[in-house]
Protein backbone atom coordinates (compact mmCIF):
# COMPACT_ATOMS: atom_id res chain seq x y z
CA UNK A 1 164.31 10.36 -118.52
CA UNK A 2 167.45 11.78 -118.54
CA UNK A 3 167.86 11.98 -114.77
CA UNK A 4 167.36 8.25 -114.60
CA UNK A 5 169.91 7.08 -117.10
CA UNK A 6 172.34 9.38 -115.44
CA UNK A 7 172.49 7.90 -111.94
CA UNK A 8 171.80 4.47 -113.19
CA UNK A 9 175.38 4.92 -114.94
CA UNK A 10 176.73 6.31 -111.93
CA UNK A 11 176.66 3.70 -109.51
CA UNK A 12 174.84 1.17 -107.89
CA UNK A 13 175.10 2.67 -104.17
CA UNK A 14 171.98 3.16 -101.88
CA UNK A 15 171.56 7.25 -102.74
CA UNK A 16 171.36 6.29 -106.41
CA UNK A 17 168.61 3.60 -106.31
CA UNK A 18 167.05 5.98 -103.57
CA UNK A 19 166.84 9.34 -105.87
CA UNK A 20 165.64 6.97 -108.77
CA UNK A 21 162.95 5.64 -106.76
CA UNK A 22 162.13 9.56 -105.55
CA UNK A 23 162.05 10.58 -109.64
CA UNK A 24 159.81 7.37 -110.51
CA UNK A 25 157.14 7.87 -107.57
CA UNK A 26 157.34 11.66 -108.74
CA UNK A 27 156.19 10.25 -112.46
CA UNK A 28 153.84 8.18 -110.69
CA UNK A 29 155.58 5.21 -111.95
CA UNK A 30 154.80 3.00 -108.73
CA UNK A 31 156.08 0.23 -109.40
CA UNK A 32 159.65 1.40 -110.78
CA UNK A 33 159.46 3.47 -107.81
CA UNK A 34 159.48 -0.06 -105.36
CA UNK A 35 161.78 -1.44 -107.57
CA UNK A 36 164.34 1.39 -106.46
CA UNK A 37 163.57 1.81 -103.21
CA UNK A 38 163.96 -1.95 -102.57
CA UNK A 39 167.28 -2.02 -104.41
CA UNK A 40 168.33 1.18 -102.35
CA UNK A 41 167.16 -0.86 -98.87
CA UNK A 42 168.72 -3.80 -99.89
CA UNK A 43 172.56 -1.75 -100.46
CA UNK A 44 171.61 -0.18 -97.62
CA UNK A 45 169.04 -1.21 -94.55
CA UNK A 46 169.51 2.13 -92.33
CA UNK A 47 168.12 4.03 -95.19
CA UNK A 48 165.67 5.40 -93.60
CA UNK A 49 164.25 7.47 -96.20
CA UNK A 50 164.07 4.66 -98.37
CA UNK A 51 161.35 2.97 -96.02
CA UNK A 52 159.68 6.26 -95.75
CA UNK A 53 159.09 6.93 -99.43
CA UNK A 54 158.63 3.29 -100.15
CA UNK A 55 155.90 3.12 -97.41
CA UNK A 56 154.15 5.99 -99.22
CA UNK A 57 153.95 3.66 -102.47
CA UNK A 58 152.49 1.38 -100.55
CA UNK A 59 150.09 3.91 -99.08
CA UNK A 60 149.45 5.02 -102.41
CA UNK A 61 148.64 1.24 -103.92
CA UNK A 62 146.41 0.77 -100.58
CA UNK A 63 148.73 -1.72 -99.32
CA UNK A 64 148.60 -0.41 -95.92
CA UNK A 65 149.77 -3.86 -93.61
CA UNK A 66 153.32 -2.69 -95.98
CA UNK A 67 153.40 1.03 -95.41
CA UNK A 68 152.85 0.27 -91.96
CA UNK A 69 155.98 -1.81 -91.91
CA UNK A 70 157.95 0.10 -93.92
CA UNK A 71 156.78 3.46 -91.30
CA UNK A 72 157.91 1.66 -88.51
CA UNK A 73 161.44 0.74 -89.59
CA UNK A 74 161.81 4.25 -90.24
CA UNK A 75 160.97 5.15 -87.41
CA UNK A 76 163.07 2.63 -85.73
CA UNK A 77 165.85 4.56 -87.60
CA UNK A 78 164.69 7.78 -87.01
CA UNK A 79 162.38 8.23 -83.64
CA UNK A 80 159.30 10.32 -83.11
CA UNK A 81 158.86 12.39 -86.91
CA UNK A 82 155.61 13.70 -86.64
CA UNK A 83 154.69 12.98 -90.38
CA UNK A 84 155.59 9.52 -90.06
CA UNK A 85 153.54 8.94 -86.79
CA UNK A 86 150.59 10.78 -89.17
CA UNK A 87 151.03 8.22 -91.87
CA UNK A 88 151.14 5.56 -89.86
CA UNK A 89 148.03 6.79 -88.26
CA UNK A 90 146.28 7.15 -91.19
CA UNK A 91 147.33 3.62 -92.38
CA UNK A 92 146.38 1.97 -89.28
CA UNK A 93 142.53 3.99 -89.52
CA UNK A 94 142.46 2.56 -93.40
CA UNK A 95 143.44 -0.99 -92.14
CA UNK A 96 140.62 -0.97 -89.47
CA UNK A 97 143.16 -0.83 -86.52
CA UNK A 98 141.55 2.04 -84.87
CA UNK A 99 143.22 1.47 -81.32
CA UNK A 100 146.54 2.08 -83.57
CA UNK A 101 145.55 4.52 -85.19
CA UNK A 102 144.96 6.73 -82.03
CA UNK A 103 148.02 5.41 -80.46
CA UNK A 104 150.10 7.07 -83.34
CA UNK A 105 147.81 10.35 -83.68
CA UNK A 106 148.47 10.68 -80.15
CA UNK A 107 152.77 10.97 -80.40
C-alpha cells in the first residue's frame, strides 16, 4: 500500500505506472494492474515490459486474444525472446489455434 502511494506521488512517468502495475499484479489485483499497465503504455508506447505483463494479466483473465496482441507487440519491440514465444504458444493453444501455437513453440 505504501509503495503504491509513494510511486503515485512521484510522477506520472511510464516506469512509475509500470511498477504500480507489477505491484498490483503481484497482489492479484488484476484490474488495477491493467489500469496501470494501460497508463504506462499511454505514456511510452515502447515500454515492452508493460506489454509483456499486461499480456500476462489478460492471460490470467482468460482474455487470450488480448494477451496475444500484447505479447506480439512485446515481440515487435524485443524480438525472439523465448519466454514470450512460450506464452504466445500457450495463448494460441487456449484459443484453439493449434497451428499458431506450434509455430511459436518451435521458435
